[in-house]
Amino acid sequence: QGRHICFHAVKEGVPALKGGRFVEIFSAQGKNPGAKWKIFGNPSAISKEYDKELKGFVFVLEGNSLINKMKLPRETKQTLGLVQQFLTLQIFVPLGKDFSTELLITDFDNNKRRLYLSTVHKELSVTPLHAKIPLFMIKRKIWCNMCIDLVTFTYEIFRGALFRSLDGIIISANCKLRKVFTLKFKPQDTAEEDGTCIVTPGQYEASEDIPPTCQLNSDVPQVTQVLDLNEIHKPKIKCRENALQET
């Protein structure tokens, strides 16, 4: 009441606002990690598998990215109510395949807005409550902590709107998904600025801002990539990335 704002999950079983440096939304470990998610499309296209490289379980989403997807929360009346600034998807996106994620956010004017990030989109397209954001810069064929700055995206895309909460998320094919979590602080970006990733054998240093329970093993090739609008407006990188995919 008054100037105090409380964020909460409407129904039990949905991650609510927590204190601390991070909030884990999804982990592929456990008996039935997809139980809280609503699965769309072909059930056989979304499955839990053991990944030998990671020495652990992942969710594999394959096929048509417009059809095969998973949504949290399951029910429309539910809401996540997560307020931390940085949403991180720990994913592996294969070469030559489409990948999309859709985020339902609420601003301080109580407007429900959607950020639709996809490799299908060729350029940024914005309406008052919906934005299509191209993902041509996403790192492929390597495990990536793909970090989305929800506060900056909301403010810059929707002309000064102030991010209040992340209330829903949809993840579509094609990818391997290990974890989804929010971070209070911006992690260190370890991606190469020229749009390439050089994978060398040996130990890999995880960003210090990635919680230990969410980090990949140090022998797994990995990168942390913080997405911002500056990357979207780099046509040279876009051309190079497209050329690499076609090759």
C-alpha atoms as a PDB file:
ATOM      1  CA  GLN A   1       0.000   0.000   0.000  1.00  0.00           C
ATOM      2  CA  GLY A   2       1.055   3.607  -0.449  1.00  0.00           C
ATOM      3  CA  ARG A   3       4.568   3.779  -1.860  1.00  0.00           C
ATOM      4  CA  HIS A   4       5.390   0.184  -1.017  1.00  0.00           C
ATOM      5  CA  ILE A   5       5.086  -2.264  -3.908  1.00  0.00           C
ATOM      6  CA  CYS A   6       4.841  -6.001  -3.345  1.00  0.00           C
ATOM      7  CA  PHE A   7       5.486  -8.555  -6.093  1.00  0.00           C
ATOM      8  CA  HIS A   8       4.269 -12.107  -5.598  1.00  0.00           C
ATOM      9  CA  ALA A   9       3.214 -15.263  -7.374  1.00  0.00           C
ATOM     10  CA  VAL A  10      -0.530 -15.567  -7.736  1.00  0.00           C
ATOM     11  CA  LYS A  11      -0.535 -19.315  -7.281  1.00  0.00           C
ATOM     12  CA  GLU A  12       1.689 -21.699  -5.383  1.00  0.00           C
ATOM     13  CA  GLY A  13       4.424 -23.379  -7.399  1.00  0.00           C
ATOM     14  CA  VAL A  14       5.527 -20.293  -9.334  1.00  0.00           C
ATOM     15  CA  PRO A  15       8.878 -18.658  -8.439  1.00  0.00           C
ATOM     16  CA  ALA A  16       8.166 -15.491  -6.446  1.00  0.00           C
ATOM     17  CA  LEU A  17      10.438 -12.545  -5.684  1.00  0.00           C
ATOM     18  CA  LYS A  18      13.378 -13.558  -3.515  1.00  0.00           C
ATOM     19  CA  GLY A  19      16.261 -11.629  -2.049  1.00  0.00           C
ATOM     20  CA  GLY A  20      19.894 -12.292  -2.842  1.00  0.00           C
ATOM     21  CA  ARG A  21      21.998 -12.126  -5.974  1.00  0.00           C
ATOM     22  CA  PHE A  22      19.939 -14.449  -8.186  1.00  0.00           C
ATOM     23  CA  VAL A  23      16.669 -16.343  -8.597  1.00  0.00           C
ATOM     24  CA  GLU A  24      16.663 -19.707 -10.365  1.00  0.00           C
ATOM     25  CA  ILE A  25      13.613 -20.096 -12.605  1.00  0.00           C
ATOM     26  CA  PHE A  26      14.427 -23.414 -14.261  1.00  0.00           C
ATOM     27  CA  SER A  27      16.927 -26.243 -13.965  1.00  0.00           C
ATOM     28  CA  ALA A  28      17.025 -29.346 -16.147  1.00  0.00           C
ATOM     29  CA  GLN A  29      18.083 -31.424 -13.145  1.00  0.00           C
ATOM     30  CA  GLY A  30      15.619 -33.240 -10.920  1.00  0.00           C
ATOM     31  CA  LYS A  31      12.827 -35.731 -11.422  1.00  0.00           C
ATOM     32  CA  ASN A  32      10.384 -33.649 -13.495  1.00  0.00           C
ATOM     33  CA  PRO A  33      11.840 -30.177 -14.163  1.00  0.00           C
ATOM     34  CA  GLY A  34       9.251 -29.346 -16.834  1.00  0.00           C
ATOM     35  CA  ALA A  35       6.252 -29.959 -14.575  1.00  0.00           C
ATOM     36  CA  LYS A  36       5.615 -26.244 -13.959  1.00  0.00           C
ATOM     37  CA  TRP A  37       5.880 -25.374 -17.656  1.00  0.00           C
ATOM     38  CA  LYS A  38       3.188 -25.613 -20.326  1.00  0.00           C
ATOM     39  CA  ILE A  39       4.469 -27.510 -23.383  1.00  0.00           C
ATOM     40  CA  PHE A  40       3.262 -26.573 -26.877  1.00  0.00           C
ATOM     41  CA  GLY A  41       3.616 -28.462 -30.156  1.00  0.00           C
ATOM     42  CA  ASN A  42       4.989 -31.954 -30.613  1.00  0.00           C
ATOM     43  CA  PRO A  43       5.708 -33.492 -27.163  1.00  0.00           C
ATOM     44  CA  SER A  44       8.514 -35.604 -28.621  1.00  0.00           C
ATOM     45  CA  ALA A  45      10.258 -32.415 -29.852  1.00  0.00           C
ATOM     46  CA  ILE A  46      10.874 -31.258 -26.266  1.00  0.00           C
ATOM     47  CA  SER A  47      12.634 -33.795 -24.089  1.00  0.00           C
ATOM     48  CA  LYS A  48      15.007 -34.149 -21.164  1.00  0.00           C
ATOM     49  CA  GLU A  49      18.315 -35.742 -22.158  1.00  0.00           C
ATOM     50  CA  TYR A  50      21.660 -36.512 -20.553  1.00  0.00           C
ATOM     51  CA  ASP A  51      24.427 -34.437 -22.118  1.00  0.00           C
ATOM     52  CA  LYS A  52      27.799 -36.212 -22.060  1.00  0.00           C
ATOM     53  CA  GLU A  53      29.764 -32.984 -22.516  1.00  0.00           C
ATOM     54  CA  LEU A  54      28.086 -31.325 -19.519  1.00  0.00           C
ATOM     55  CA  LYS A  55      27.869 -34.527 -17.499  1.00  0.00           C
ATOM     56  CA  GLY A  56      24.320 -33.547 -16.628  1.00  0.00           C
ATOM     57  CA  PHE A  57      20.764 -33.234 -17.920  1.00  0.00           C
ATOM     58  CA  VAL A  58      19.443 -30.646 -20.382  1.00  0.00           C
ATOM     59  CA  PHE A  59      16.128 -29.912 -22.049  1.00  0.00           C
ATOM     60  CA  VAL A  60      16.322 -30.276 -25.839  1.00  0.00           C
ATOM     61  CA  LEU A  61      13.881 -28.245 -27.954  1.00  0.00           C
ATOM     62  CA  GLU A  62      13.833 -29.208 -31.644  1.00  0.00           C
ATOM     63  CA  GLY A  63      11.796 -28.617 -34.794  1.00  0.00           C
ATOM     64  CA  ASN A  64       9.635 -25.639 -35.728  1.00  0.00           C
ATOM     65  CA  SER A  65      10.383 -22.663 -33.451  1.00  0.00           C
ATOM     66  CA  LEU A  66       6.878 -21.273 -34.042  1.00  0.00           C
ATOM     67  CA  ILE A  67       5.211 -24.466 -32.806  1.00  0.00           C
ATOM     68  CA  ASN A  68       7.476 -26.264 -30.333  1.00  0.00           C
ATOM     69  CA  LYS A  69       7.872 -24.171 -27.196  1.00  0.00           C
ATOM     70  CA  MET A  70       7.549 -24.175 -23.409  1.00  0.00           C
ATOM     71  CA  LYS A  71       5.861 -21.480 -21.293  1.00  0.00           C
ATOM     72  CA  LEU A  72       6.147 -20.438 -17.661  1.00  0.00           C
ATOM     73  CA  PRO A  73       3.834 -20.019 -15.790  1.00  0.00           C
ATOM     74  CA  ARG A  74       1.514 -22.743 -17.075  1.00  0.00           C
ATOM     75  CA  GLU A  75      -1.673 -20.785 -16.401  1.00  0.00           C
ATOM     76  CA  THR A  76      -2.514 -17.344 -17.772  1.00  0.00           C
ATOM     77  CA  LYS A  77      -3.684 -16.136 -14.345  1.00  0.00           C
ATOM     78  CA  GLN A  78      -0.302 -16.904 -12.819  1.00  0.00           C
ATOM     79  CA  THR A  79       2.561 -14.438 -12.805  1.00  0.00           C
ATOM     80  CA  LEU A  80       6.278 -14.774 -12.019  1.00  0.00           C
ATOM     81  CA  GLY A  81       6.705 -11.337 -10.426  1.00  0.00           C
ATOM     82  CA  LEU A  82      10.501 -11.356 -10.813  1.00  0.00           C
ATOM     83  CA  VAL A  83      12.128  -7.936 -10.486  1.00  0.00           C
ATOM     84  CA  GLN A  84      15.866  -8.554 -10.916  1.00  0.00           C
ATOM     85  CA  GLN A  85      17.342  -6.723 -13.891  1.00  0.00           C
ATOM     86  CA  PHE A  86      19.208  -9.428 -15.801  1.00  0.00           C
ATOM     87  CA  LEU A  87      17.488 -12.539 -17.187  1.00  0.00           C
ATOM     88  CA  THR A  88      19.935 -15.283 -18.144  1.00  0.00           C
ATOM     89  CA  LEU A  89      19.245 -18.296 -20.365  1.00  0.00           C
ATOM     90  CA  GLN A  90      21.949 -20.947 -20.232  1.00  0.00           C
ATOM     91  CA  ILE A  91      21.576 -22.346 -23.738  1.00  0.00           C
ATOM     92  CA  PHE A  92      23.297 -24.047 -26.651  1.00  0.00           C
ATOM     93  CA  VAL A  93      21.942 -22.895 -30.044  1.00  0.00           C
ATOM     94  CA  PRO A  94      22.971 -25.020 -33.063  1.00  0.00           C
ATOM     95  CA  LEU A  95      24.150 -23.571 -36.350  1.00  0.00           C
ATOM     96  CA  GLY A  96      21.560 -22.966 -39.066  1.00  0.00           C
ATOM     97  CA  LYS A  97      18.515 -23.348 -36.790  1.00  0.00           C
ATOM     98  CA  ASP A  98      16.001 -20.772 -35.604  1.00  0.00           C
ATOM     99  CA  PHE A  99      15.652 -19.895 -31.915  1.00  0.00           C
ATOM    100  CA  SER A 100      13.214 -17.611 -30.108  1.00  0.00           C
ATOM    101  CA  THR A 101      12.287 -16.476 -26.614  1.00  0.00           C
ATOM    102  CA  GLU A 102       9.339 -14.294 -25.625  1.00  0.00           C
ATOM    103  CA  LEU A 103       9.205 -12.272 -22.404  1.00  0.00           C
ATOM    104  CA  LEU A 104       6.087 -10.831 -20.781  1.00  0.00           C
ATOM    105  CA  ILE A 105       6.982  -7.788 -18.707  1.00  0.00           C
ATOM    106  CA  THR A 106       5.049  -5.178 -16.731  1.00  0.00           C
ATOM    107  CA  ASP A 107       6.139  -1.549 -16.349  1.00  0.00           C
ATOM    108  CA  PHE A 108       5.424   0.907 -13.544  1.00  0.00           C
ATOM    109  CA  ASP A 109       2.389   2.241 -15.432  1.00  0.00           C
ATOM    110  CA  ASN A 110       1.022  -1.322 -15.224  1.00  0.00           C
ATOM    111  CA  ASN A 111       1.297  -1.833 -18.987  1.00  0.00           C
ATOM    112  CA  LYS A 112       1.797  -5.448 -20.068  1.00  0.00           C
ATOM    113  CA  ARG A 113       4.495  -5.517 -22.748  1.00  0.00           C
ATOM    114  CA  ARG A 114       6.128  -8.292 -24.761  1.00  0.00           C
ATOM    115  CA  LEU A 115       9.726  -8.643 -25.900  1.00  0.00           C
ATOM    116  CA  TYR A 116       9.967 -11.226 -28.690  1.00  0.00           C
ATOM    117  CA  LEU A 117      13.613 -12.062 -29.401  1.00  0.00           C
ATOM    118  CA  SER A 118      14.148 -14.317 -32.405  1.00  0.00           C
ATOM    119  CA  THR A 119      16.678 -15.286 -35.063  1.00  0.00           C
ATOM    120  CA  VAL A 120      13.746 -15.082 -37.513  1.00  0.00           C
ATOM    121  CA  HIS A 121      13.531 -11.296 -37.201  1.00  0.00           C
ATOM    122  CA  LYS A 122      15.730  -9.282 -39.565  1.00  0.00           C
ATOM    123  CA  GLU A 123      15.334  -5.889 -37.888  1.00  0.00           C
ATOM    124  CA  LEU A 124      13.937  -4.242 -34.762  1.00  0.00           C
ATOM    125  CA  SER A 125      10.163  -3.665 -34.960  1.00  0.00           C
ATOM    126  CA  VAL A 126       8.243  -1.890 -32.189  1.00  0.00           C
ATOM    127  CA  THR A 127       4.576  -1.192 -31.411  1.00  0.00           C
ATOM    128  CA  PRO A 128       3.378   0.443 -28.156  1.00  0.00           C
ATOM    129  CA  LEU A 129       3.127  -2.912 -26.321  1.00  0.00           C
ATOM    130  CA  HIS A 130       5.172  -5.331 -28.439  1.00  0.00           C
ATOM    131  CA  ALA A 131       8.732  -5.486 -29.765  1.00  0.00           C
ATOM    132  CA  LYS A 132      10.322  -7.891 -32.230  1.00  0.00           C
ATOM    133  CA  ILE A 133      14.073  -8.032 -31.586  1.00  0.00           C
ATOM    134  CA  PRO A 134      16.512  -9.773 -33.969  1.00  0.00           C
ATOM    135  CA  LEU A 135      18.939 -12.289 -32.486  1.00  0.00           C
ATOM    136  CA  PHE A 136      21.461 -12.525 -35.329  1.00  0.00           C
ATOM    137  CA  MET A 137      24.273 -11.774 -32.849  1.00  0.00           C
ATOM    138  CA  ILE A 138      23.595 -14.779 -30.619  1.00  0.00           C
ATOM    139  CA  LYS A 139      26.555 -17.118 -30.060  1.00  0.00           C
ATOM    140  CA  ARG A 140      25.992 -20.509 -31.639  1.00  0.00           C
ATOM    141  CA  LYS A 141      27.516 -23.956 -31.270  1.00  0.00           C
ATOM    142  CA  ILE A 142      28.810 -23.078 -27.800  1.00  0.00           C
ATOM    143  CA  TRP A 143      27.216 -23.012 -24.349  1.00  0.00           C
ATOM    144  CA  CYS A 144      26.141 -19.445 -23.747  1.00  0.00           C
ATOM    145  CA  ASN A 145      24.917 -17.551 -20.691  1.00  0.00           C
ATOM    146  CA  MET A 146      22.656 -15.295 -22.770  1.00  0.00           C
ATOM    147  CA  CYS A 147      21.929 -12.339 -20.515  1.00  0.00           C
ATOM    148  CA  ILE A 148      19.079  -9.898 -21.297  1.00  0.00           C
ATOM    149  CA  ASP A 149      19.075  -6.497 -19.576  1.00  0.00           C
ATOM    150  CA  LEU A 150      15.342  -6.141 -18.911  1.00  0.00           C
ATOM    151  CA  VAL A 151      15.565  -2.611 -17.499  1.00  0.00           C
ATOM    152  CA  THR A 152      17.559  -1.175 -20.412  1.00  0.00           C
ATOM    153  CA  PHE A 153      15.568  -3.013 -23.092  1.00  0.00           C
ATOM    154  CA  THR A 154      12.261  -1.804 -21.637  1.00  0.00           C
ATOM    155  CA  TYR A 155      13.441   1.809 -21.275  1.00  0.00           C
ATOM    156  CA  GLU A 156      15.061   2.145 -24.702  1.00  0.00           C
ATOM    157  CA  ILE A 157      12.556   0.164 -26.772  1.00  0.00           C
ATOM    158  CA  PHE A 158       9.380   1.531 -25.212  1.00  0.00           C
ATOM    159  CA  ARG A 159      10.451   5.189 -25.015  1.00  0.00           C
ATOM    160  CA  GLY A 160      11.230   5.646 -21.353  1.00  0.00           C
ATOM    161  CA  ALA A 161       9.020   2.917 -19.851  1.00  0.00           C
ATOM    162  CA  LEU A 162      10.312   1.701 -16.474  1.00  0.00           C
ATOM    163  CA  PHE A 163      10.633  -2.071 -15.991  1.00  0.00           C
ATOM    164  CA  ARG A 164       8.779  -3.380 -12.946  1.00  0.00           C
ATOM    165  CA  SER A 165       8.631  -7.163 -13.274  1.00  0.00           C
ATOM    166  CA  LEU A 166       9.133 -10.192 -15.505  1.00  0.00           C
ATOM    167  CA  ASP A 167       5.824 -12.040 -15.407  1.00  0.00           C
ATOM    168  CA  GLY A 168       6.155 -14.754 -18.051  1.00  0.00           C
ATOM    169  CA  ILE A 169       8.640 -16.428 -20.356  1.00  0.00           C
ATOM    170  CA  ILE A 170       8.354 -18.622 -23.462  1.00  0.00           C
ATOM    171  CA  ILE A 171      11.354 -20.544 -24.827  1.00  0.00           C
ATOM    172  CA  SER A 172      11.108 -21.997 -28.335  1.00  0.00           C
ATOM    173  CA  ALA A 173      13.105 -24.419 -30.446  1.00  0.00           C
ATOM    174  CA  ASN A 174      15.911 -24.858 -31.376  1.00  0.00           C
ATOM    175  CA  CYS A 175      18.243 -25.134 -28.404  1.00  0.00           C
ATOM    176  CA  LYS A 176      19.548 -27.128 -25.502  1.00  0.00           C
ATOM    177  CA  LEU A 177      18.489 -25.522 -22.228  1.00  0.00           C
ATOM    178  CA  ARG A 178      20.263 -26.130 -18.913  1.00  0.00           C
ATOM    179  CA  LYS A 179      19.141 -23.306 -16.625  1.00  0.00           C
ATOM    180  CA  VAL A 180      17.164 -20.069 -16.550  1.00  0.00           C
ATOM    181  CA  PHE A 181      17.806 -17.534 -13.789  1.00  0.00           C
ATOM    182  CA  THR A 182      17.723 -13.827 -13.006  1.00  0.00           C
ATOM    183  CA  LEU A 183      20.680 -11.828 -11.696  1.00  0.00           C
ATOM    184  CA  LYS A 184      20.757  -8.727  -9.562  1.00  0.00           C
ATOM    185  CA  PHE A 185      24.068  -7.573 -11.046  1.00  0.00           C
ATOM    186  CA  LYS A 186      25.344  -7.486 -14.621  1.00  0.00           C
ATOM    187  CA  PRO A 187      27.751 -10.368 -15.360  1.00  0.00           C
ATOM    188  CA  GLN A 188      31.014  -9.860 -17.206  1.00  0.00           C
ATOM    189  CA  ASP A 189      30.588 -10.218 -20.971  1.00  0.00           C
ATOM    190  CA  THR A 190      33.164 -12.694 -22.315  1.00  0.00           C
ATOM    191  CA  ALA A 191      31.886 -12.755 -25.919  1.00  0.00           C
ATOM    192  CA  GLU A 192      34.138 -11.504 -28.709  1.00  0.00           C
ATOM    193  CA  GLU A 193      33.089  -8.076 -29.985  1.00  0.00           C
ATOM    194  CA  ASP A 194      33.521  -9.010 -33.645  1.00  0.00           C
ATOM    195  CA  GLY A 195      30.781 -11.612 -33.449  1.00  0.00           C
ATOM    196  CA  THR A 196      33.066 -14.661 -33.429  1.00  0.00           C
ATOM    197  CA  CYS A 197      33.832 -17.209 -30.736  1.00  0.00           C
ATOM    198  CA  ILE A 198      37.232 -18.855 -30.615  1.00  0.00           C
ATOM    199  CA  VAL A 199      36.974 -22.187 -28.844  1.00  0.00           C
ATOM    200  CA  THR A 200      40.264 -23.392 -27.417  1.00  0.00           C
ATOM    201  CA  PRO A 201      40.930 -26.476 -25.295  1.00  0.00           C
ATOM    202  CA  GLY A 202      41.578 -26.063 -21.596  1.00  0.00           C
ATOM    203  CA  GLN A 203      39.937 -24.451 -18.589  1.00  0.00           C
ATOM    204  CA  TYR A 204      37.180 -21.863 -19.062  1.00  0.00           C
ATOM    205  CA  GLU A 205      36.629 -19.135 -16.509  1.00  0.00           C
ATOM    206  CA  ALA A 206      32.982 -18.544 -15.659  1.00  0.00           C
ATOM    207  CA  SER A 207      31.935 -14.985 -14.910  1.00  0.00           C
ATOM    208  CA  GLU A 208      32.319 -14.250 -11.211  1.00  0.00           C
ATOM    209  CA  ASP A 209      28.789 -12.869 -11.238  1.00  0.00           C
ATOM    210  CA  ILE A 210      27.301 -16.223 -12.294  1.00  0.00           C
ATOM    211  CA  PRO A 211      26.252 -18.036  -9.083  1.00  0.00           C
ATOM    212  CA  PRO A 212      28.327 -21.182  -8.368  1.00  0.00           C
ATOM    213  CA  THR A 213      25.203 -23.367  -8.481  1.00  0.00           C
ATOM    214  CA  CYS A 214      24.488 -22.121 -12.031  1.00  0.00           C
ATOM    215  CA  GLN A 215      28.000 -22.350 -13.453  1.00  0.00           C
ATOM    216  CA  LEU A 216      29.024 -24.861 -16.096  1.00  0.00           C
ATOM    217  CA  ASN A 217      32.040 -27.085 -15.501  1.00  0.00           C
ATOM    218  CA  SER A 218      35.299 -25.289 -16.293  1.00  0.00           C
ATOM    219  CA  ASP A 219      36.198 -27.802 -19.051  1.00  0.00           C
ATOM    220  CA  VAL A 220      33.017 -27.009 -21.046  1.00  0.00           C
ATOM    221  CA  PRO A 221      33.477 -24.424 -23.857  1.00  0.00           C
ATOM    222  CA  GLN A 222      31.324 -21.494 -22.796  1.00  0.00           C
ATOM    223  CA  VAL A 223      30.710 -17.774 -23.167  1.00  0.00           C
ATOM    224  CA  THR A 224      28.695 -15.124 -21.328  1.00  0.00           C
ATOM    225  CA  GLN A 225      26.925 -12.722 -23.703  1.00  0.00           C
ATOM    226  CA  VAL A 226      25.113  -9.617 -22.456  1.00  0.00           C
ATOM    227  CA  LEU A 227      22.626  -8.459 -25.101  1.00  0.00           C
ATOM    228  CA  ASP A 228      21.975  -4.774 -25.708  1.00  0.00           C
ATOM    229  CA  LEU A 229      20.494  -2.635 -28.460  1.00  0.00           C
ATOM    230  CA  ASN A 230      23.921  -1.471 -29.660  1.00  0.00           C
ATOM    231  CA  GLU A 231      24.624  -4.969 -30.992  1.00  0.00           C
ATOM    232  CA  ILE A 232      21.319  -5.023 -32.851  1.00  0.00           C
ATOM    233  CA  HIS A 233      22.377  -1.968 -34.839  1.00  0.00           C
ATOM    234  CA  LYS A 234      25.706  -3.399 -36.061  1.00  0.00           C
ATOM    235  CA  PRO A 235      25.070  -4.310 -39.734  1.00  0.00           C
ATOM    236  CA  LYS A 236      28.644  -5.527 -40.316  1.00  0.00           C
ATOM    237  CA  ILE A 237      28.350  -8.191 -37.676  1.00  0.00           C
ATOM    238  CA  LYS A 238      24.946  -9.162 -39.059  1.00  0.00           C
ATOM    239  CA  CYS A 239      26.392  -9.735 -42.513  1.00  0.00           C
ATOM    240  CA  ARG A 240      29.323 -11.749 -41.172  1.00  0.00           C
ATOM    241  CA  GLU A 241      27.079 -13.878 -38.969  1.00  0.00           C
ATOM    242  CA  ASN A 242      24.745 -14.650 -41.880  1.00  0.00           C
ATOM    243  CA  ALA A 243      27.668 -15.576 -44.089  1.00  0.00           C
ATOM    244  CA  LEU A 244      29.003 -17.960 -41.440  1.00  0.00           C
ATOM    245  CA  GLN A 245      25.610 -19.651 -41.069  1.00  0.00           C
ATOM    246  CA  GLU A 246      25.244 -20.110 -44.814  1.00  0.00           C
ATOM    247  CA  THR A 247      28.688 -21.637 -44.993  1.00  0.00           C
END
